[in-house]
Amino acid sequence: MNEALEEASNATVVLQAELEELAKARKAAEEKVARLEEEHKECNQLILQTDALAHPSQLFRTLWPGEVVPDTFSLISDRLKGAGRRIREWQCSAARAGADSVLRVACSWYPELDLDALTGVREGAETDLDPILAAKRQDRAYRIAEYAEMRTFIPPPHGVQDYLDEEEDEAEEEPLDDAGAGDAPPEAPAA
């Protein structure tokens, strides 16, 4: 009977030791899970920050293709402050691309076309006055626009100012009383 009691006592000690080991292992596992959860939160925050930085970088690459994106967010931010002007520059570029497409089509059909004669919109042109001809003209223009190189920035030719340069010059000057005078483009020479 003493033997049985001693075995039971030894078994109890062994079981208590095993339970203590299991409790330690469980506590270590819980601590590891807590550490992993904390690291996961930090990782998620880094991913969100990376995404937040990716959008300005993507916008920078879109507005200034071919330029190296600045290394820091503050430099990108400083540059993006001029995004409004850059968008207006792209608008002018798109207008140049569209005009180039139109002239390419016109020159391919009329090789003898005198490009120097095309200096502005002619007042009272039938394609402006007749609604049917105006609609036809617009339809052709929209179809030709498909060929315009819109993804490549086209700077103005040397010596030519975009309207946005003029807007900035006007913003620096005082407003004039006869606003709107001289806004009409020059008439083309008589054919």
N, C-alpha and C. Protein backbone atom coordinates (compact mmCIF):
# COMPACT_ATOMS: atom_id res chain seq x y z
N MET A 1 0.81 -1.17 0.00
CA MET A 1 0.00 0.00 0.00
C MET A 1 0.87 1.26 0.00
N ASN A 2 1.95 1.21 0.74
CA ASN A 2 2.89 2.33 0.71
C ASN A 2 3.44 2.54 -0.70
N GLU A 3 3.65 1.43 -1.32
CA GLU A 3 4.15 1.52 -2.70
C GLU A 3 3.13 2.22 -3.60
N ALA A 4 1.88 1.88 -3.44
CA ALA A 4 0.83 2.47 -4.25
C ALA A 4 0.71 3.96 -3.95
N LEU A 5 0.83 4.29 -2.66
CA LEU A 5 0.77 5.71 -2.29
C LEU A 5 1.96 6.47 -2.85
N GLU A 6 3.11 5.84 -2.80
CA GLU A 6 4.32 6.50 -3.34
C GLU A 6 4.20 6.69 -4.85
N GLU A 7 3.68 5.67 -5.53
CA GLU A 7 3.50 5.79 -6.99
C GLU A 7 2.48 6.89 -7.31
N ALA A 8 1.41 6.94 -6.54
CA ALA A 8 0.40 7.98 -6.76
C ALA A 8 0.98 9.35 -6.49
N SER A 9 1.80 9.44 -5.46
CA SER A 9 2.44 10.72 -5.14
C SER A 9 3.40 11.13 -6.24
N ASN A 10 4.18 10.17 -6.72
CA ASN A 10 5.11 10.46 -7.84
C ASN A 10 4.34 10.85 -9.10
N ALA A 11 3.25 10.14 -9.36
CA ALA A 11 2.43 10.44 -10.54
C ALA A 11 1.84 11.85 -10.42
N THR A 12 1.45 12.23 -9.20
CA THR A 12 0.91 13.56 -8.98
C THR A 12 1.98 14.62 -9.23
N VAL A 13 3.18 14.37 -8.77
CA VAL A 13 4.29 15.31 -8.99
C VAL A 13 4.58 15.43 -10.48
N VAL A 14 4.60 14.27 -11.15
CA VAL A 14 4.86 14.28 -12.60
C VAL A 14 3.75 15.05 -13.32
N LEU A 15 2.50 14.78 -12.94
CA LEU A 15 1.38 15.48 -13.58
C LEU A 15 1.44 16.99 -13.31
N GLN A 16 1.80 17.36 -12.09
CA GLN A 16 1.92 18.80 -11.78
C GLN A 16 3.04 19.43 -12.60
N ALA A 17 4.14 18.72 -12.77
CA ALA A 17 5.25 19.24 -13.58
C ALA A 17 4.81 19.40 -15.04
N GLU A 18 4.08 18.39 -15.53
CA GLU A 18 3.59 18.47 -16.91
C GLU A 18 2.60 19.63 -17.06
N LEU A 19 1.72 19.79 -16.06
CA LEU A 19 0.76 20.90 -16.11
C LEU A 19 1.47 22.25 -16.08
N GLU A 20 2.51 22.35 -15.28
CA GLU A 20 3.28 23.60 -15.23
C GLU A 20 3.96 23.87 -16.58
N GLU A 21 4.51 22.80 -17.18
CA GLU A 21 5.13 22.96 -18.51
C GLU A 21 4.09 23.38 -19.54
N LEU A 22 2.91 22.74 -19.49
CA LEU A 22 1.84 23.12 -20.42
C LEU A 22 1.40 24.56 -20.20
N ALA A 23 1.30 24.98 -18.94
CA ALA A 23 0.91 26.36 -18.63
C ALA A 23 1.95 27.34 -19.15
N LYS A 24 3.25 26.98 -18.98
CA LYS A 24 4.32 27.84 -19.50
C LYS A 24 4.26 27.90 -21.03
N ALA A 25 4.05 26.74 -21.66
CA ALA A 25 3.97 26.70 -23.12
C ALA A 25 2.77 27.51 -23.62
N ARG A 26 1.64 27.37 -22.89
CA ARG A 26 0.45 28.13 -23.28
C ARG A 26 0.70 29.63 -23.14
N LYS A 27 1.33 30.04 -22.03
CA LYS A 27 1.63 31.45 -21.81
C LYS A 27 2.58 31.97 -22.88
N ALA A 28 3.61 31.16 -23.24
CA ALA A 28 4.56 31.55 -24.29
C ALA A 28 3.83 31.69 -25.63
N ALA A 29 2.92 30.75 -25.91
CA ALA A 29 2.15 30.81 -27.17
C ALA A 29 1.27 32.06 -27.20
N GLU A 30 0.62 32.38 -26.08
CA GLU A 30 -0.23 33.57 -26.02
C GLU A 30 0.59 34.84 -26.21
N GLU A 31 1.79 34.87 -25.60
CA GLU A 31 2.67 36.03 -25.77
C GLU A 31 3.11 36.15 -27.23
N LYS A 32 3.41 35.00 -27.85
CA LYS A 32 3.83 35.03 -29.26
C LYS A 32 2.69 35.51 -30.15
N VAL A 33 1.47 35.04 -29.87
CA VAL A 33 0.30 35.48 -30.63
C VAL A 33 0.12 36.99 -30.47
N ALA A 34 0.27 37.50 -29.25
CA ALA A 34 0.13 38.94 -29.01
C ALA A 34 1.20 39.72 -29.78
N ARG A 35 2.45 39.20 -29.77
CA ARG A 35 3.53 39.86 -30.53
C ARG A 35 3.22 39.86 -32.03
N LEU A 36 2.76 38.71 -32.53
CA LEU A 36 2.43 38.61 -33.95
C LEU A 36 1.28 39.56 -34.32
N GLU A 37 0.28 39.66 -33.45
CA GLU A 37 -0.82 40.59 -33.71
C GLU A 37 -0.32 42.03 -33.75
N GLU A 38 0.58 42.38 -32.85
CA GLU A 38 1.15 43.73 -32.84
C GLU A 38 1.96 43.98 -34.10
N GLU A 39 2.78 43.00 -34.49
CA GLU A 39 3.56 43.13 -35.72
C GLU A 39 2.65 43.24 -36.94
N HIS A 40 1.53 42.49 -36.90
CA HIS A 40 0.57 42.55 -38.00
C HIS A 40 -0.06 43.94 -38.10
N LYS A 41 -0.37 44.54 -36.94
CA LYS A 41 -0.91 45.90 -36.94
C LYS A 41 0.12 46.88 -37.53
N GLU A 42 1.38 46.74 -37.11
CA GLU A 42 2.43 47.61 -37.64
C GLU A 42 2.58 47.41 -39.14
N CYS A 43 2.51 46.16 -39.58
CA CYS A 43 2.62 45.86 -41.02
C CYS A 43 1.46 46.50 -41.78
N ASN A 44 0.25 46.38 -41.24
CA ASN A 44 -0.91 47.01 -41.88
C ASN A 44 -0.75 48.52 -41.97
N GLN A 45 -0.23 49.13 -40.91
CA GLN A 45 0.00 50.58 -40.93
C GLN A 45 1.02 50.95 -42.00
N LEU A 46 2.08 50.15 -42.12
CA LEU A 46 3.09 50.43 -43.16
C LEU A 46 2.49 50.28 -44.55
N ILE A 47 1.64 49.28 -44.73
CA ILE A 47 0.99 49.09 -46.04
C ILE A 47 0.10 50.29 -46.35
N LEU A 48 -0.66 50.75 -45.36
CA LEU A 48 -1.52 51.92 -45.58
C LEU A 48 -0.69 53.16 -45.90
N GLN A 49 0.43 53.33 -45.19
CA GLN A 49 1.30 54.47 -45.47
C GLN A 49 1.90 54.36 -46.86
N THR A 50 2.28 53.15 -47.25
CA THR A 50 2.85 52.94 -48.58
C THR A 50 1.81 53.27 -49.65
N ASP A 51 0.56 52.81 -49.42
CA ASP A 51 -0.51 53.14 -50.37
C ASP A 51 -0.73 54.64 -50.43
N ALA A 52 -0.70 55.29 -49.27
CA ALA A 52 -0.90 56.74 -49.24
C ALA A 52 0.21 57.46 -50.00
N LEU A 53 1.42 56.92 -49.97
CA LEU A 53 2.53 57.52 -50.71
C LEU A 53 2.47 57.16 -52.19
N ALA A 54 1.86 56.02 -52.52
CA ALA A 54 1.82 55.58 -53.91
C ALA A 54 0.93 56.49 -54.76
N HIS A 55 -0.15 56.98 -54.20
CA HIS A 55 -1.06 57.83 -54.98
C HIS A 55 -0.40 59.13 -55.44
N PRO A 56 0.26 59.86 -54.55
CA PRO A 56 0.95 61.07 -55.02
C PRO A 56 2.06 60.74 -56.03
N SER A 57 2.75 59.63 -55.84
CA SER A 57 3.80 59.24 -56.79
C SER A 57 3.20 58.95 -58.15
N GLN A 58 2.07 58.25 -58.15
CA GLN A 58 1.40 57.93 -59.41
C GLN A 58 0.91 59.20 -60.09
N LEU A 59 0.36 60.12 -59.32
CA LEU A 59 -0.08 61.40 -59.88
C LEU A 59 1.09 62.17 -60.46
N PHE A 60 2.22 62.17 -59.75
CA PHE A 60 3.42 62.85 -60.23
C PHE A 60 3.86 62.26 -61.57
N ARG A 61 3.91 60.91 -61.65
CA ARG A 61 4.33 60.26 -62.91
C ARG A 61 3.38 60.57 -64.05
N THR A 62 2.09 60.74 -63.74
CA THR A 62 1.11 61.05 -64.78
C THR A 62 1.29 62.48 -65.29
N LEU A 63 1.49 63.41 -64.37
CA LEU A 63 1.60 64.81 -64.77
C LEU A 63 2.96 65.16 -65.37
N TRP A 64 4.01 64.50 -64.91
CA TRP A 64 5.36 64.78 -65.41
C TRP A 64 6.02 63.48 -65.88
N PRO A 65 5.50 62.88 -66.96
CA PRO A 65 6.07 61.60 -67.42
C PRO A 65 7.53 61.80 -67.83
N GLY A 66 8.33 60.81 -67.54
CA GLY A 66 9.73 60.89 -67.91
C GLY A 66 10.61 61.52 -66.86
N GLU A 67 10.02 62.24 -65.91
CA GLU A 67 10.81 62.84 -64.83
C GLU A 67 10.91 61.85 -63.68
N VAL A 68 12.01 61.93 -62.96
CA VAL A 68 12.21 61.06 -61.80
C VAL A 68 11.35 61.56 -60.64
N VAL A 69 10.62 60.64 -60.03
CA VAL A 69 9.78 61.00 -58.88
C VAL A 69 10.69 61.34 -57.71
N PRO A 70 10.47 62.48 -57.05
CA PRO A 70 11.30 62.84 -55.89
C PRO A 70 11.28 61.74 -54.82
N ASP A 71 12.36 61.69 -54.04
CA ASP A 71 12.53 60.63 -53.06
C ASP A 71 11.63 60.76 -51.83
N THR A 72 11.30 61.97 -51.45
CA THR A 72 10.54 62.16 -50.22
C THR A 72 9.14 62.68 -50.51
N PHE A 73 8.24 62.37 -49.58
CA PHE A 73 6.87 62.82 -49.72
C PHE A 73 6.78 64.34 -49.73
N SER A 74 7.60 65.01 -48.93
CA SER A 74 7.53 66.47 -48.88
C SER A 74 7.95 67.09 -50.21
N LEU A 75 8.94 66.50 -50.88
CA LEU A 75 9.35 67.01 -52.20
C LEU A 75 8.25 66.77 -53.24
N ILE A 76 7.62 65.59 -53.17
CA ILE A 76 6.51 65.31 -54.08
C ILE A 76 5.38 66.29 -53.82
N SER A 77 5.07 66.52 -52.54
CA SER A 77 4.01 67.45 -52.16
C SER A 77 4.28 68.85 -52.68
N ASP A 78 5.52 69.31 -52.53
CA ASP A 78 5.88 70.64 -53.03
C ASP A 78 5.65 70.73 -54.53
N ARG A 79 6.03 69.68 -55.24
CA ARG A 79 5.89 69.70 -56.70
C ARG A 79 4.42 69.63 -57.11
N LEU A 80 3.62 68.85 -56.35
CA LEU A 80 2.21 68.70 -56.70
C LEU A 80 1.40 69.97 -56.42
N LYS A 81 1.98 70.92 -55.70
CA LYS A 81 1.29 72.19 -55.50
C LYS A 81 1.09 72.90 -56.83
N GLY A 82 1.93 72.59 -57.81
CA GLY A 82 1.79 73.17 -59.14
C GLY A 82 0.98 72.30 -60.08
N ALA A 83 0.21 71.35 -59.54
CA ALA A 83 -0.56 70.42 -60.38
C ALA A 83 -1.61 71.15 -61.22
N GLY A 84 -2.23 72.18 -60.67
CA GLY A 84 -3.25 72.91 -61.44
C GLY A 84 -2.67 73.50 -62.71
N ARG A 85 -1.51 74.12 -62.58
CA ARG A 85 -0.85 74.69 -63.76
C ARG A 85 -0.47 73.58 -64.74
N ARG A 86 0.03 72.47 -64.20
CA ARG A 86 0.46 71.38 -65.07
C ARG A 86 -0.73 70.79 -65.82
N ILE A 87 -1.88 70.72 -65.18
CA ILE A 87 -3.08 70.24 -65.87
C ILE A 87 -3.45 71.18 -67.00
N ARG A 88 -3.34 72.49 -66.75
CA ARG A 88 -3.62 73.45 -67.83
C ARG A 88 -2.59 73.30 -68.95
N GLU A 89 -1.33 73.00 -68.61
CA GLU A 89 -0.32 72.76 -69.64
C GLU A 89 -0.69 71.53 -70.47
N TRP A 90 -1.21 70.50 -69.81
CA TRP A 90 -1.64 69.30 -70.53
C TRP A 90 -2.83 69.63 -71.43
N GLN A 91 -3.72 70.52 -70.98
CA GLN A 91 -4.84 70.92 -71.83
C GLN A 91 -4.32 71.58 -73.11
N CYS A 92 -3.35 72.45 -72.96
CA CYS A 92 -2.76 73.10 -74.13
C CYS A 92 -2.07 72.07 -75.02
N SER A 93 -1.40 71.12 -74.40
CA SER A 93 -0.74 70.06 -75.15
C SER A 93 -1.76 69.25 -75.94
N ALA A 94 -2.89 68.95 -75.31
CA ALA A 94 -3.95 68.20 -76.00
C ALA A 94 -4.50 69.00 -77.17
N ALA A 95 -4.62 70.31 -77.00
CA ALA A 95 -5.09 71.15 -78.11
C ALA A 95 -4.09 71.10 -79.26
N ARG A 96 -2.79 71.16 -78.93
CA ARG A 96 -1.77 71.08 -79.99
C ARG A 96 -1.82 69.72 -80.69
N ALA A 97 -2.01 68.66 -79.90
CA ALA A 97 -2.09 67.32 -80.49
C ALA A 97 -3.30 67.21 -81.41
N GLY A 98 -4.43 67.76 -80.97
CA GLY A 98 -5.63 67.73 -81.80
C GLY A 98 -5.46 68.53 -83.08
N ALA A 99 -4.89 69.72 -82.95
CA ALA A 99 -4.67 70.56 -84.14
C ALA A 99 -3.70 69.87 -85.10
N ASP A 100 -2.67 69.22 -84.56
CA ASP A 100 -1.72 68.50 -85.40
C ASP A 100 -2.42 67.37 -86.15
N SER A 101 -3.31 66.65 -85.47
CA SER A 101 -4.04 65.56 -86.13
C SER A 101 -4.90 66.09 -87.27
N VAL A 102 -5.56 67.20 -87.03
CA VAL A 102 -6.41 67.80 -88.07
C VAL A 102 -5.56 68.22 -89.26
N LEU A 103 -4.44 68.88 -88.99
CA LEU A 103 -3.59 69.33 -90.10
C LEU A 103 -2.97 68.15 -90.84
N ARG A 104 -2.65 67.06 -90.15
CA ARG A 104 -2.12 65.88 -90.83
C ARG A 104 -3.16 65.32 -91.79
N VAL A 105 -4.42 65.26 -91.34
CA VAL A 105 -5.49 64.77 -92.22
C VAL A 105 -5.66 65.71 -93.41
N ALA A 106 -5.73 67.01 -93.13
CA ALA A 106 -5.93 67.99 -94.21
C ALA A 106 -4.78 67.94 -95.21
N CYS A 107 -3.55 67.86 -94.72
CA CYS A 107 -2.39 67.83 -95.62
C CYS A 107 -2.32 66.53 -96.41
N SER A 108 -2.80 65.43 -95.83
CA SER A 108 -2.78 64.17 -96.58
C SER A 108 -3.79 64.20 -97.72
N TRP A 109 -4.87 64.96 -97.57
CA TRP A 109 -5.87 65.07 -98.62
C TRP A 109 -5.55 66.20 -99.60
N TYR A 110 -4.93 67.23 -99.10
CA TYR A 110 -4.62 68.40 -99.93
C TYR A 110 -3.15 68.74 -99.77
N PRO A 111 -2.25 68.04 -100.48
CA PRO A 111 -0.81 68.27 -100.30
C PRO A 111 -0.39 69.70 -100.63
N GLU A 112 -1.14 70.38 -101.48
CA GLU A 112 -0.77 71.74 -101.86
C GLU A 112 -1.32 72.78 -100.88
N LEU A 113 -1.92 72.35 -99.79
CA LEU A 113 -2.51 73.26 -98.81
C LEU A 113 -1.45 74.21 -98.26
N ASP A 114 -1.75 75.50 -98.29
CA ASP A 114 -0.83 76.52 -97.77
C ASP A 114 -1.06 76.67 -96.27
N LEU A 115 -0.19 76.05 -95.48
CA LEU A 115 -0.34 76.08 -94.02
C LEU A 115 -0.19 77.49 -93.46
N ASP A 116 0.56 78.35 -94.15
CA ASP A 116 0.72 79.73 -93.67
C ASP A 116 -0.59 80.51 -93.74
N ALA A 117 -1.53 80.06 -94.57
CA ALA A 117 -2.81 80.75 -94.69
C ALA A 117 -3.73 80.41 -93.51
N LEU A 118 -3.43 79.35 -92.81
CA LEU A 118 -4.27 78.92 -91.69
C LEU A 118 -3.79 79.59 -90.40
N THR A 119 -4.28 80.79 -90.17
CA THR A 119 -3.83 81.54 -88.99
C THR A 119 -4.91 81.72 -87.94
N GLY A 120 -6.15 81.39 -88.24
CA GLY A 120 -7.21 81.57 -87.25
C GLY A 120 -8.54 81.12 -87.80
N VAL A 121 -9.57 81.25 -86.99
CA VAL A 121 -10.91 80.87 -87.38
C VAL A 121 -11.51 82.01 -88.19
N ARG A 122 -12.08 81.67 -89.33
CA ARG A 122 -12.68 82.68 -90.19
C ARG A 122 -14.09 82.99 -89.69
N GLU A 123 -14.38 84.26 -89.50
CA GLU A 123 -15.71 84.69 -89.07
C GLU A 123 -16.74 84.35 -90.15
N GLY A 124 -17.90 83.86 -89.71
CA GLY A 124 -19.00 83.63 -90.64
C GLY A 124 -18.81 82.43 -91.54
N ALA A 125 -17.97 81.49 -91.19
CA ALA A 125 -17.78 80.29 -92.02
C ALA A 125 -19.07 79.48 -92.01
N GLU A 126 -19.39 78.87 -93.17
CA GLU A 126 -20.62 78.10 -93.29
C GLU A 126 -20.67 76.96 -92.28
N THR A 127 -19.52 76.38 -91.98
CA THR A 127 -19.50 75.27 -91.02
C THR A 127 -19.78 75.73 -89.59
N ASP A 128 -19.81 77.05 -89.37
CA ASP A 128 -20.22 77.58 -88.07
C ASP A 128 -21.69 78.01 -88.09
N LEU A 129 -22.15 78.51 -89.22
CA LEU A 129 -23.50 79.07 -89.31
C LEU A 129 -24.58 78.03 -89.58
N ASP A 130 -24.28 77.06 -90.42
CA ASP A 130 -25.26 76.03 -90.79
C ASP A 130 -25.20 74.89 -89.75
N PRO A 131 -26.29 74.64 -89.02
CA PRO A 131 -26.27 73.62 -87.97
C PRO A 131 -25.93 72.22 -88.49
N ILE A 132 -26.37 71.90 -89.69
CA ILE A 132 -26.07 70.57 -90.26
C ILE A 132 -24.58 70.46 -90.54
N LEU A 133 -24.01 71.50 -91.16
CA LEU A 133 -22.57 71.47 -91.44
C LEU A 133 -21.75 71.52 -90.15
N ALA A 134 -22.24 72.27 -89.16
CA ALA A 134 -21.53 72.34 -87.88
C ALA A 134 -21.52 70.96 -87.21
N ALA A 135 -22.65 70.27 -87.25
CA ALA A 135 -22.72 68.93 -86.65
C ALA A 135 -21.80 67.96 -87.40
N LYS A 136 -21.77 68.08 -88.72
CA LYS A 136 -20.89 67.23 -89.53
C LYS A 136 -19.42 67.52 -89.21
N ARG A 137 -19.09 68.82 -89.10
CA ARG A 137 -17.72 69.22 -88.77
C ARG A 137 -17.31 68.66 -87.41
N GLN A 138 -18.21 68.79 -86.43
CA GLN A 138 -17.89 68.28 -85.10
C GLN A 138 -17.73 66.76 -85.11
N ASP A 139 -18.57 66.07 -85.86
CA ASP A 139 -18.44 64.61 -85.95
C ASP A 139 -17.08 64.22 -86.52
N ARG A 140 -16.68 64.91 -87.59
CA ARG A 140 -15.36 64.62 -88.19
C ARG A 140 -14.25 64.93 -87.19
N ALA A 141 -14.39 66.05 -86.48
CA ALA A 141 -13.36 66.45 -85.51
C ALA A 141 -13.22 65.39 -84.42
N TYR A 142 -14.34 64.88 -83.93
CA TYR A 142 -14.29 63.87 -82.87
C TYR A 142 -13.64 62.59 -83.38
N ARG A 143 -13.90 62.26 -84.65
CA ARG A 143 -13.28 61.05 -85.21
C ARG A 143 -11.78 61.25 -85.42
N ILE A 144 -11.39 62.43 -85.86
CA ILE A 144 -9.96 62.72 -86.05
C ILE A 144 -9.25 62.76 -84.70
N ALA A 145 -9.96 63.20 -83.66
CA ALA A 145 -9.36 63.30 -82.33
C ALA A 145 -8.87 61.94 -81.83
N GLU A 146 -9.46 60.86 -82.34
CA GLU A 146 -9.01 59.52 -81.94
C GLU A 146 -7.54 59.30 -82.29
N TYR A 147 -7.05 60.00 -83.30
CA TYR A 147 -5.67 59.82 -83.74
C TYR A 147 -4.70 60.78 -83.05
N ALA A 148 -5.23 61.68 -82.25
CA ALA A 148 -4.37 62.66 -81.58
C ALA A 148 -3.52 61.97 -80.52
N GLU A 149 -2.26 62.35 -80.46
CA GLU A 149 -1.31 61.78 -79.49
C GLU A 149 -1.50 62.49 -78.15
N MET A 150 -2.44 62.00 -77.35
CA MET A 150 -2.82 62.67 -76.11
C MET A 150 -1.93 62.29 -74.93
N ARG A 151 -1.24 61.17 -75.00
CA ARG A 151 -0.45 60.70 -73.86
C ARG A 151 0.98 61.24 -73.87
N THR A 152 1.34 61.91 -74.92
CA THR A 152 2.68 62.50 -75.02
C THR A 152 2.54 64.00 -74.85
N PHE A 153 3.29 64.56 -73.91
CA PHE A 153 3.22 66.00 -73.69
C PHE A 153 3.92 66.71 -74.84
N ILE A 154 3.24 67.66 -75.44
CA ILE A 154 3.78 68.42 -76.56
C ILE A 154 3.97 69.86 -76.09
N PRO A 155 5.21 70.29 -75.87
CA PRO A 155 5.43 71.66 -75.42
C PRO A 155 5.15 72.65 -76.55
N PRO A 156 4.88 73.90 -76.19
CA PRO A 156 4.63 74.89 -77.25
C PRO A 156 5.91 75.14 -78.04
N PRO A 157 5.75 75.49 -79.33
CA PRO A 157 6.93 75.83 -80.13
C PRO A 157 7.64 77.05 -79.55
N HIS A 158 8.90 77.18 -79.86
CA HIS A 158 9.69 78.32 -79.38
C HIS A 158 9.02 79.62 -79.82
N GLY A 159 8.86 80.52 -78.89
CA GLY A 159 8.28 81.83 -79.20
C GLY A 159 6.77 81.87 -79.13
N VAL A 160 6.11 80.74 -78.85
CA VAL A 160 4.66 80.70 -78.76
C VAL A 160 4.28 80.57 -77.29
N GLN A 161 3.38 81.44 -76.83
CA GLN A 161 2.92 81.38 -75.44
C GLN A 161 1.56 80.71 -75.40
N ASP A 162 1.37 79.84 -74.42
CA ASP A 162 0.06 79.24 -74.20
C ASP A 162 -0.85 80.25 -73.53
N TYR A 163 -2.14 80.02 -73.62
CA TYR A 163 -3.08 80.94 -72.99
C TYR A 163 -2.86 81.00 -71.48
N LEU A 164 -2.35 79.93 -70.87
CA LEU A 164 -2.17 79.98 -69.42
C LEU A 164 -1.05 80.92 -69.04
N ASP A 165 -0.03 81.09 -69.91
CA ASP A 165 0.99 82.09 -69.64
C ASP A 165 0.38 83.48 -69.68
N GLU A 166 -0.53 83.68 -70.64
CA GLU A 166 -1.21 84.97 -70.74
C GLU A 166 -2.10 85.21 -69.52
N GLU A 167 -2.76 84.14 -69.04
CA GLU A 167 -3.61 84.28 -67.85
C GLU A 167 -2.79 84.71 -66.64
N GLU A 168 -1.61 84.14 -66.50
CA GLU A 168 -0.77 84.51 -65.37
C GLU A 168 -0.29 85.95 -65.50
N ASP A 169 0.04 86.36 -66.73
CA ASP A 169 0.45 87.74 -66.94
C ASP A 169 -0.69 88.69 -66.60
N GLU A 170 -1.92 88.32 -67.02
CA GLU A 170 -3.08 89.15 -66.75
C GLU A 170 -3.38 89.21 -65.26
N ALA A 171 -3.15 88.12 -64.56
CA ALA A 171 -3.42 88.09 -63.12
C ALA A 171 -2.51 89.06 -62.38
N GLU A 172 -1.32 89.26 -62.90
CA GLU A 172 -0.38 90.18 -62.27
C GLU A 172 -0.74 91.63 -62.56
N GLU A 173 -1.40 91.89 -63.70
CA GLU A 173 -1.79 93.25 -64.07
C GLU A 173 -3.11 93.61 -63.39
N GLU A 174 -3.44 94.91 -63.42
CA GLU A 174 -4.73 95.35 -62.90
C GLU A 174 -5.79 95.03 -63.94
N PRO A 175 -7.05 94.76 -63.50
CA PRO A 175 -8.11 94.48 -64.46
C PRO A 175 -8.39 95.70 -65.34
N LEU A 176 -8.65 95.44 -66.61
CA LEU A 176 -8.92 96.50 -67.57
C LEU A 176 -10.43 96.75 -67.65
N ASP A 177 -10.81 97.99 -68.01
CA ASP A 177 -12.23 98.33 -68.12
C ASP A 177 -12.89 97.63 -69.29
N ASP A 178 -12.21 97.54 -70.42
CA ASP A 178 -12.81 96.95 -71.61
C ASP A 178 -12.40 95.48 -71.72
N ALA A 179 -12.77 94.68 -70.71
CA ALA A 179 -12.44 93.25 -70.70
C ALA A 179 -13.16 92.57 -71.85
N GLY A 180 -12.48 91.65 -72.48
CA GLY A 180 -13.08 90.92 -73.59
C GLY A 180 -12.70 91.49 -74.93
N ALA A 181 -12.17 92.70 -74.99
CA ALA A 181 -11.79 93.28 -76.27
C ALA A 181 -10.57 92.55 -76.80
N GLY A 182 -10.57 92.24 -78.05
CA GLY A 182 -9.42 91.60 -78.67
C GLY A 182 -9.37 90.10 -78.42
N ASP A 183 -10.46 89.50 -77.92
CA ASP A 183 -10.46 88.06 -77.66
C ASP A 183 -10.67 87.25 -78.94
N ALA A 184 -11.25 87.83 -79.95
CA ALA A 184 -11.52 87.09 -81.18
C ALA A 184 -10.22 86.83 -81.92
N PRO A 185 -10.07 85.61 -82.46
CA PRO A 185 -8.85 85.32 -83.22
C PRO A 185 -8.84 86.10 -84.53
N PRO A 186 -7.66 86.28 -85.10
CA PRO A 186 -7.60 87.02 -86.36
C PRO A 186 -8.27 86.22 -87.47
N GLU A 187 -8.78 86.96 -88.44
CA GLU A 187 -9.43 86.29 -89.57
C GLU A 187 -8.38 85.77 -90.54
N ALA A 188 -8.71 84.67 -91.19
CA ALA A 188 -7.81 84.10 -92.19
C ALA A 188 -7.84 85.00 -93.43
N PRO A 189 -6.75 85.03 -94.20
CA PRO A 189 -6.76 85.83 -95.42
C PRO A 189 -7.80 85.31 -96.40
N ALA A 190 -8.30 86.21 -97.21
CA ALA A 190 -9.31 85.83 -98.20
C ALA A 190 -8.71 84.84 -99.19
N ALA A 191 -9.49 83.84 -99.53
CA ALA A 191 -9.00 82.80 -100.46
C ALA A 191 -9.19 83.21 -101.89
